[in-house]
N, C-alpha and C. Protein backbone atom coordinates (compact mmCIF):
# COMPACT_ATOMS: atom_id res chain seq x y z
N MET A 1 -7.10 -5.85 8.14
CA MET A 1 -6.68 -7.34 7.54
C MET A 1 -6.03 -7.54 7.46
N ALA A 2 -5.30 -8.00 6.97
CA ALA A 2 -3.84 -7.62 6.19
C ALA A 2 -4.40 -9.28 5.22
N ALA A 3 -3.51 -9.51 3.95
CA ALA A 3 -3.99 -10.28 3.29
C ALA A 3 -2.95 -9.49 1.99
N GLY A 4 -2.23 -11.40 1.65
CA GLY A 4 -1.59 -10.99 0.59
C GLY A 4 -2.24 -11.44 -1.03
N SER A 5 -1.56 -12.12 -2.40
CA SER A 5 -2.37 -12.23 -2.92
C SER A 5 -0.40 -12.91 -4.28
N ARG A 6 -1.96 -13.91 -4.28
CA ARG A 6 -1.52 -13.84 -6.48
C ARG A 6 -0.73 -13.81 -7.18
N GLY A 7 -1.41 -12.09 -6.73
CA GLY A 7 -1.37 -10.19 -8.25
C GLY A 7 -2.59 -10.57 -8.11
N LEU A 8 -2.62 -8.87 -8.05
CA LEU A 8 -4.23 -8.40 -7.82
C LEU A 8 -4.07 -8.10 -9.66
N ARG A 9 -5.76 -8.95 -9.55
CA ARG A 9 -6.46 -8.83 -10.66
C ARG A 9 -6.71 -7.18 -11.14
N GLY A 10 -7.02 -7.32 -12.53
CA GLY A 10 -7.55 -6.14 -12.90
C GLY A 10 -8.17 -5.47 -12.26
N SER A 11 -9.55 -6.24 -11.82
CA SER A 11 -10.56 -5.30 -10.89
C SER A 11 -9.88 -4.28 -10.91
N PRO A 12 -10.65 -2.96 -11.55
CA PRO A 12 -10.71 -1.85 -10.93
C PRO A 12 -11.74 -1.65 -9.62
N GLY A 13 -12.59 -2.88 -9.16
CA GLY A 13 -13.61 -2.08 -8.01
C GLY A 13 -13.30 -1.88 -7.19
N ALA A 14 -11.22 -2.34 -6.29
CA ALA A 14 -10.75 -1.52 -5.82
C ALA A 14 -10.85 -1.21 -5.04
N LEU A 15 -10.42 0.27 -6.50
CA LEU A 15 -10.32 1.60 -5.82
C LEU A 15 -11.95 2.22 -6.41
N GLU A 16 -12.56 1.96 -7.30
CA GLU A 16 -13.78 2.35 -7.25
C GLU A 16 -14.57 2.16 -6.38
N ASN A 17 -14.91 0.73 -6.25
CA ASN A 17 -15.67 0.45 -4.72
C ASN A 17 -14.77 0.60 -3.36
N ARG A 18 -13.84 1.18 -3.28
CA ARG A 18 -13.29 1.81 -1.85
C ARG A 18 -13.29 0.08 -1.13
N TRP A 19 -12.88 -0.80 -1.28
CA TRP A 19 -12.79 -1.66 -0.76
C TRP A 19 -11.46 -2.37 0.22
N LEU A 20 -10.17 -1.30 -0.26
CA LEU A 20 -8.89 -1.49 0.14
C LEU A 20 -8.68 -0.07 0.38
N ASP A 21 -7.48 -0.07 1.04
CA ASP A 21 -7.10 1.50 1.33
C ASP A 21 -6.24 2.02 2.38
N ALA A 22 -5.64 0.45 1.96
CA ALA A 22 -4.06 0.46 2.57
C ALA A 22 -3.07 -0.53 1.52
N PHE A 23 -2.63 0.16 0.79
CA PHE A 23 -0.90 -1.67 0.13
C PHE A 23 0.20 -1.29 0.82
N CYS A 24 0.23 -2.32 1.58
CA CYS A 24 1.88 -2.57 2.24
C CYS A 24 2.74 -2.94 1.57
N PHE A 25 3.75 -2.08 1.14
CA PHE A 25 4.91 -3.09 0.18
C PHE A 25 6.23 -3.43 1.16
N TYR A 26 6.62 -5.12 1.01
CA TYR A 26 7.94 -5.17 2.24
C TYR A 26 8.92 -5.94 1.74
N GLY A 27 10.58 -5.19 1.88
CA GLY A 27 11.49 -5.87 2.09
C GLY A 27 11.85 -6.73 3.24
N VAL A 28 11.84 -8.29 2.37
CA VAL A 28 11.08 -9.70 3.63
C VAL A 28 12.84 -9.84 3.21
N GLU A 29 13.37 -10.83 4.53
CA GLU A 29 14.91 -11.27 4.75
C GLU A 29 14.72 -13.12 3.78
N ALA A 30 15.44 -12.75 4.76
CA ALA A 30 15.27 -15.01 3.51
C ALA A 30 14.48 -15.74 4.81
N ASP A 31 14.22 -15.55 6.30
CA ASP A 31 13.69 -16.25 6.93
C ASP A 31 12.06 -15.43 6.94
N GLY A 32 11.48 -14.62 6.22
CA GLY A 32 10.22 -14.38 6.14
C GLY A 32 9.90 -13.43 6.59
N ARG A 33 10.63 -12.67 7.27
CA ARG A 33 10.23 -11.49 8.27
C ARG A 33 11.11 -10.18 7.81
N ALA A 34 9.56 -9.44 8.19
CA ALA A 34 10.17 -8.16 7.09
C ALA A 34 11.24 -7.24 7.92
N ARG A 35 11.98 -6.15 7.11
CA ARG A 35 13.20 -5.53 7.86
C ARG A 35 12.19 -4.08 7.16
N ALA A 36 11.45 -4.16 6.50
CA ALA A 36 10.84 -2.91 5.72
C ALA A 36 9.97 -2.57 4.89
N GLU A 37 9.13 -1.68 5.26
CA GLU A 37 7.76 -2.00 4.90
C GLU A 37 7.30 0.23 3.91
N LEU A 38 7.10 -0.35 2.86
CA LEU A 38 6.88 1.06 2.28
C LEU A 38 4.81 1.55 2.48
N ALA A 39 4.08 1.67 2.84
CA ALA A 39 2.87 1.87 3.22
C ALA A 39 2.47 3.06 2.13
N LEU A 40 1.38 2.63 1.45
CA LEU A 40 0.56 4.14 0.94
C LEU A 40 -1.11 3.48 1.34
N GLU A 41 -1.26 4.28 1.78
CA GLU A 41 -2.22 4.94 2.55
C GLU A 41 -3.29 5.84 2.23
N ILE A 42 -5.28 5.12 1.44
CA ILE A 42 -5.71 6.05 0.97
C ILE A 42 -6.74 6.64 2.20
N ASP A 43 -6.75 8.11 2.27
CA ASP A 43 -7.82 8.48 2.91
C ASP A 43 -9.29 8.76 2.08
N TRP A 44 -10.64 7.63 2.36
CA TRP A 44 -11.28 8.30 1.45
C TRP A 44 -12.23 9.44 1.12
N ALA A 45 -12.39 9.85 3.19
CA ALA A 45 -13.47 10.85 2.99
C ALA A 45 -12.49 12.40 2.38
N LYS A 46 -11.02 11.98 2.60
CA LYS A 46 -10.20 13.02 1.98
C LYS A 46 -10.03 12.90 0.72
N HIS A 47 -11.01 11.90 -0.31
CA HIS A 47 -10.44 11.49 -1.79
C HIS A 47 -11.96 12.34 -2.32
N LYS A 48 -13.06 11.68 -1.19
CA LYS A 48 -14.01 12.51 -1.58
C LYS A 48 -14.41 14.39 -1.60
N GLN A 49 -14.13 14.71 -0.83
CA GLN A 49 -13.46 16.10 -0.61
C GLN A 49 -13.35 16.51 -1.37
N GLU A 50 -11.60 16.63 -2.59
CA GLU A 50 -11.27 17.12 -3.31
C GLU A 50 -11.56 16.46 -4.51
N ASN A 51 -12.69 15.56 -5.26
CA ASN A 51 -13.21 15.13 -5.41
C ASN A 51 -14.36 16.25 -6.42
N LYS A 52 -14.68 16.31 -5.65
CA LYS A 52 -16.23 16.82 -4.81
C LYS A 52 -15.46 19.34 -5.63
N ALA A 53 -14.12 19.23 -4.92
CA ALA A 53 -13.66 20.41 -5.65
C ALA A 53 -13.07 20.37 -6.68
N GLY A 54 -13.29 19.25 -7.26
CA GLY A 54 -12.65 19.19 -8.61
C GLY A 54 -11.26 18.65 -8.73
N ARG A 55 -10.65 18.55 -8.31
CA ARG A 55 -9.25 18.27 -7.29
C ARG A 55 -8.57 16.68 -8.05
N PHE A 56 -9.72 15.95 -8.30
CA PHE A 56 -9.32 14.89 -8.61
C PHE A 56 -8.10 14.16 -10.03
N LEU A 57 -7.40 13.25 -9.32
CA LEU A 57 -7.03 13.41 -10.63
C LEU A 57 -6.38 11.74 -9.99
N VAL A 58 -6.51 11.27 -10.19
CA VAL A 58 -5.40 9.91 -10.11
C VAL A 58 -5.71 8.79 -11.34
N SER A 59 -5.00 8.40 -12.37
CA SER A 59 -5.45 7.72 -13.02
C SER A 59 -3.92 7.26 -13.60
N VAL A 60 -3.86 5.86 -13.17
CA VAL A 60 -1.85 5.65 -13.12
C VAL A 60 -2.90 3.30 -14.19
N ASP A 61 -1.61 3.98 -15.52
CA ASP A 61 -2.22 3.46 -16.42
C ASP A 61 -0.98 2.49 -16.65
N ASN A 62 0.41 3.00 -16.13
CA ASN A 62 1.28 1.89 -16.69
C ASN A 62 3.00 2.01 -15.29
N MET A 63 1.33 0.92 -14.10
CA MET A 63 2.81 1.14 -12.85
C MET A 63 3.42 0.83 -12.96
N ALA A 64 4.49 0.98 -13.84
CA ALA A 64 5.69 0.78 -14.06
C ALA A 64 6.81 2.22 -13.82
N ALA A 65 5.44 3.30 -14.31
CA ALA A 65 6.49 4.62 -14.77
C ALA A 65 6.13 5.04 -13.23
N GLN A 66 7.29 6.33 -13.39
CA GLN A 66 6.21 7.43 -12.15
C GLN A 66 6.13 8.46 -13.17
N GLU A 67 6.14 8.51 -14.18
CA GLU A 67 5.30 9.78 -15.05
C GLU A 67 3.95 9.69 -14.02
N GLY A 68 3.55 11.14 -13.79
CA GLY A 68 2.21 11.05 -12.89
C GLY A 68 2.49 11.12 -11.41
N ALA A 69 3.89 10.16 -10.69
CA ALA A 69 3.53 9.74 -9.66
C ALA A 69 4.25 11.34 -8.93
N THR A 70 3.84 11.46 -7.57
CA THR A 70 4.38 12.53 -6.80
C THR A 70 6.07 12.56 -6.12
N ASP A 71 6.12 13.61 -6.03
CA ASP A 71 7.58 13.56 -5.22
C ASP A 71 7.63 13.07 -4.52
N LEU A 72 6.76 13.18 -3.30
CA LEU A 72 7.33 12.25 -2.49
C LEU A 72 7.26 10.70 -2.44
N VAL A 73 5.60 10.72 -3.84
CA VAL A 73 5.89 8.97 -4.20
C VAL A 73 7.46 8.67 -4.46
N VAL A 74 7.45 9.24 -5.67
CA VAL A 74 8.70 9.01 -5.92
C VAL A 74 10.16 8.98 -5.09
N SER A 75 9.95 9.94 -3.88
CA SER A 75 11.33 9.78 -2.99
C SER A 75 11.25 8.51 -1.92
N ALA A 76 9.61 7.99 -1.47
CA ALA A 76 9.93 7.05 -0.60
C ALA A 76 10.40 6.04 -1.86
N THR A 77 9.41 5.39 -2.90
CA THR A 77 10.08 4.35 -3.44
C THR A 77 11.14 4.14 -3.77
N GLY A 78 12.16 5.51 -3.75
CA GLY A 78 13.35 4.93 -4.57
C GLY A 78 14.14 5.15 -3.42
N LEU A 79 14.01 5.76 -1.94
CA LEU A 79 14.54 4.73 -0.60
C LEU A 79 13.99 3.39 -0.84
N PHE A 80 12.78 3.61 -0.38
CA PHE A 80 12.55 2.26 0.36
C PHE A 80 13.04 0.74 -0.85
N THR A 81 13.35 0.73 -2.50
CA THR A 81 13.97 0.16 -3.26
C THR A 81 15.42 -0.02 -2.88
N ASP A 82 15.97 0.89 -3.06
CA ASP A 82 17.73 1.66 -2.69
C ASP A 82 17.69 0.38 -1.79
N PHE A 83 17.49 0.12 0.03
CA PHE A 83 17.32 -0.28 0.66
C PHE A 83 17.42 -2.02 0.55
N LEU A 84 15.89 -2.26 -0.31
CA LEU A 84 15.88 -3.88 -0.78
C LEU A 84 17.11 -3.86 -1.18
N THR A 85 18.10 -2.87 -2.24
CA THR A 85 18.95 -3.99 -3.00
C THR A 85 20.00 -3.91 -1.89
N LEU A 86 20.50 -3.18 -1.53
CA LEU A 86 21.31 -3.02 -0.33
C LEU A 86 21.76 -3.63 0.76
N ARG A 87 20.30 -4.39 1.21
CA ARG A 87 20.27 -5.80 1.93
C ARG A 87 20.20 -6.68 1.36
N ARG A 88 19.75 -7.04 0.14
CA ARG A 88 19.80 -8.59 -0.83
C ARG A 88 18.20 -8.88 0.46
N LEU A 89 17.04 -8.20 -0.18
CA LEU A 89 16.19 -8.18 0.03
C LEU A 89 15.18 -8.12 -0.78
N THR A 90 13.84 -10.03 -0.50
CA THR A 90 13.16 -10.36 -1.41
C THR A 90 11.68 -9.21 -0.99
N ASN A 91 10.83 -8.88 -2.07
CA ASN A 91 9.67 -8.11 -1.99
C ASN A 91 8.58 -9.12 -1.84
N GLY A 92 7.32 -8.64 -0.47
CA GLY A 92 6.16 -9.24 -0.32
C GLY A 92 5.75 -7.31 -0.77
N TRP A 93 3.62 -7.94 -0.52
CA TRP A 93 2.94 -7.39 -0.36
C TRP A 93 2.27 -7.79 0.69
N ARG A 94 1.39 -6.40 1.45
CA ARG A 94 -0.30 -7.05 2.21
C ARG A 94 -0.39 -5.55 1.62
N TYR A 95 -2.28 -5.50 1.45
CA TYR A 95 -3.44 -4.78 1.72
C TYR A 95 -4.01 -4.53 3.14
N ARG A 96 -4.55 -3.54 2.95
CA ARG A 96 -5.39 -3.61 4.42
C ARG A 96 -7.08 -3.31 3.69
N ALA A 97 -7.74 -3.67 4.21
CA ALA A 97 -9.60 -3.70 3.88
C ALA A 97 -10.28 -3.08 4.80
N THR A 98 -10.75 -1.66 4.14
CA THR A 98 -11.69 -1.08 5.35
C THR A 98 -12.74 -1.43 5.45
N GLU A 99 -13.21 -0.48 6.84
CA GLU A 99 -13.56 -1.22 7.73
C GLU A 99 -15.11 -1.12 6.92
N LYS A 100 -15.21 -1.20 5.91
CA LYS A 100 -16.60 -1.65 5.52
C LYS A 100 -17.06 -2.86 5.06
N VAL A 101 -15.57 -3.55 4.66
CA VAL A 101 -15.46 -4.28 3.69
C VAL A 101 -14.92 -5.99 5.21
N GLU A 102 -14.25 -5.26 6.22
CA GLU A 102 -14.08 -5.98 7.10
C GLU A 102 -15.45 -6.06 8.15
N ARG A 103 -16.28 -5.16 7.95
CA ARG A 103 -17.79 -5.79 9.24
C ARG A 103 -18.34 -7.07 8.27
N SER A 104 -18.10 -6.67 6.80
CA SER A 104 -19.17 -8.20 6.37
C SER A 104 -18.45 -8.56 5.42
N ARG A 105 -19.22 -9.88 7.20
CA ARG A 105 -18.13 -11.33 5.87
C ARG A 105 -18.50 -11.83 4.51
N ALA A 106 -19.69 -11.37 3.46
CA ALA A 106 -20.22 -11.68 2.73
C ALA A 106 -19.43 -10.73 1.84
N LEU A 107 -19.45 -9.64 2.25
CA LEU A 107 -18.34 -8.36 1.46
C LEU A 107 -17.15 -9.02 1.25
N LEU A 108 -16.34 -9.60 2.70
CA LEU A 108 -14.61 -9.49 2.19
C LEU A 108 -14.85 -11.22 1.59
N GLU A 109 -16.16 -12.10 1.56
CA GLU A 109 -15.09 -12.95 0.52
C GLU A 109 -15.57 -12.35 -0.54
N ARG A 110 -16.34 -11.28 -1.28
CA ARG A 110 -16.40 -10.65 -2.73
C ARG A 110 -15.73 -10.77 -2.51
N VAL A 111 -14.61 -10.09 -2.01
CA VAL A 111 -13.97 -8.38 -2.57
C VAL A 111 -12.85 -9.78 -2.37
N LEU A 112 -12.00 -11.14 -1.91
CA LEU A 112 -11.30 -11.56 -2.01
C LEU A 112 -11.54 -12.14 -3.24
N ARG A 113 -12.53 -12.43 -3.36
CA ARG A 113 -12.53 -13.68 -4.77
C ARG A 113 -12.44 -13.05 -6.33
N GLU A 114 -13.13 -11.79 -5.97
CA GLU A 114 -12.92 -10.18 -7.66
C GLU A 114 -11.30 -10.47 -7.53
N LEU A 115 -11.13 -9.78 -6.40
CA LEU A 115 -10.07 -9.52 -6.25
C LEU A 115 -8.58 -10.74 -6.76
N GLY A 116 -8.43 -11.87 -6.74
CA GLY A 116 -7.82 -13.18 -6.84
C GLY A 116 -7.10 -12.91 -5.36
N LEU A 117 -7.33 -12.36 -3.86
CA LEU A 117 -6.58 -11.95 -2.59
C LEU A 117 -6.80 -13.22 -2.27
N VAL A 118 -5.83 -13.52 -1.26
CA VAL A 118 -5.70 -14.93 -0.71
C VAL A 118 -6.08 -14.02 0.99
N GLN A 119 -6.00 -14.34 2.34
CA GLN A 119 -6.18 -13.91 3.71
C GLN A 119 -4.56 -14.77 4.03
N VAL A 120 -4.03 -13.45 4.73
CA VAL A 120 -2.14 -14.28 5.44
C VAL A 120 -2.62 -13.21 6.38
N GLY A 121 -1.97 -13.91 7.55
CA GLY A 121 -1.56 -12.62 9.37
C GLY A 121 -0.58 -11.69 8.94
N PRO A 122 -1.05 -11.24 10.05
CA PRO A 122 -0.14 -10.18 9.79
C PRO A 122 1.69 -9.97 9.41
N MET A 123 2.41 -9.13 8.71
CA MET A 123 3.91 -9.63 9.04
C MET A 123 4.68 -9.57 10.18
N GLU A 124 5.26 -10.38 10.08
CA GLU A 124 6.29 -10.30 10.77
C GLU A 124 7.71 -9.88 10.81
N TRP A 125 8.72 -8.42 11.65
CA TRP A 125 9.56 -8.28 12.00
C TRP A 125 10.80 -8.46 12.60
N VAL A 126 11.62 -8.40 11.27
CA VAL A 126 12.80 -8.51 12.78
C VAL A 126 13.09 -7.88 13.68
N ASP A 127 14.35 -8.29 15.25
CA ASP A 127 14.37 -7.39 15.92
C ASP A 127 14.95 -5.79 15.65
N GLY A 128 14.96 -5.10 16.29
CA GLY A 128 15.34 -3.90 16.43
C GLY A 128 14.81 -2.88 16.00
N GLU A 129 15.68 -1.58 16.51
CA GLU A 129 14.69 -0.28 15.81
C GLU A 129 14.42 -0.06 14.98
N ARG A 130 13.18 0.90 14.71
CA ARG A 130 12.52 0.87 13.25
C ARG A 130 12.83 2.57 12.96
N GLU A 131 13.07 3.42 12.08
CA GLU A 131 13.57 4.42 11.76
C GLU A 131 11.72 4.72 10.47
N TYR A 132 11.23 5.58 10.77
CA TYR A 132 10.58 5.95 9.89
C TYR A 132 11.19 7.41 9.08
N TRP A 133 10.99 6.96 7.74
CA TRP A 133 10.60 7.90 6.28
C TRP A 133 10.55 7.97 5.21
N PRO A 134 9.76 9.11 5.10
CA PRO A 134 8.51 9.57 4.82
C PRO A 134 7.73 9.07 6.09
N ASN A 135 6.17 9.85 7.07
CA ASN A 135 5.61 9.18 7.78
C ASN A 135 4.71 10.67 7.53
N ALA A 136 4.11 10.80 6.40
CA ALA A 136 2.96 12.05 6.27
C ALA A 136 2.15 12.09 5.04
N ASP A 137 1.16 12.92 4.83
CA ASP A 137 0.68 13.15 3.81
C ASP A 137 1.07 13.73 2.55
N ASP A 138 0.71 13.60 1.02
CA ASP A 138 1.65 14.35 0.69
C ASP A 138 0.73 15.33 -0.14
N PRO A 139 1.38 16.08 -0.28
CA PRO A 139 2.06 17.52 -0.24
C PRO A 139 0.72 17.83 -2.04
N ASP A 140 0.95 17.01 -3.11
CA ASP A 140 0.12 17.01 -4.11
C ASP A 140 -0.87 15.73 -4.53
N LEU A 141 -0.98 15.21 -3.35
CA LEU A 141 -2.52 14.47 -3.65
C LEU A 141 -2.65 14.47 -1.87
N ILE A 142 -3.42 14.90 -0.99
CA ILE A 142 -3.57 14.86 0.61
C ILE A 142 -4.59 14.22 0.84
N GLU A 143 -5.11 13.01 -0.55
CA GLU A 143 -6.06 11.98 -0.12
C GLU A 143 -4.72 10.51 0.72
N LEU A 144 -3.83 10.83 0.39
CA LEU A 144 -2.61 9.38 0.32
C LEU A 144 -1.47 9.36 2.05
N HIS A 145 -1.20 8.64 2.39
CA HIS A 145 -0.45 9.33 3.46
C HIS A 145 1.11 7.89 3.26
N VAL A 146 1.98 9.00 3.22
CA VAL A 146 2.93 7.71 2.78
C VAL A 146 3.72 7.00 4.08
N ALA A 147 4.45 6.53 3.82
CA ALA A 147 4.75 5.86 5.46
C ALA A 147 5.93 4.82 5.04
N CYS A 148 7.88 5.27 5.23
CA CYS A 148 8.32 4.22 5.02
C CYS A 148 9.16 3.84 6.62
N THR A 149 9.34 2.30 6.86
CA THR A 149 9.91 2.27 8.17
C THR A 149 10.54 0.83 7.41
N MET A 150 12.06 1.81 8.20
CA MET A 150 12.76 0.78 8.35
C MET A 150 13.50 -0.01 9.18
N VAL A 151 13.95 -1.17 9.77
CA VAL A 151 14.83 -1.19 10.56
C VAL A 151 16.54 -1.75 10.32
N VAL A 152 17.40 -1.19 10.38
CA VAL A 152 18.40 -0.16 10.26
C VAL A 152 19.89 -2.00 10.34
């Protein structure tokens, strides 16, 4: 499922309840089509294993700060924002709900309501060959997969 929002509300439920498993940020052309995507995907099974092993480390109070971000996330977001600036793209975002949420209409409606989200269709892309970097699990936070896709 892809959805956009007026802004994700401050409810911690999205992560605590494992309702969402991916956040995708887009560089968007004037016609509304995507030219770039930065996807951050959470593997909740790996997260649970890391937490049980005592390696739990996710606490972000100020999303604008890079302090505490992994090297891969800092590199990928730098590349992504530089590309948006160079191409004069606007930004947009989508999220992906977990399978548990997708399977239950009632839970989906609750998630949308509590997080202030609205459903939208998938992002349309500009034509052209896509380049991918990075496309890897984060070595410092193995439950996080980071992928940056661009049509140059």
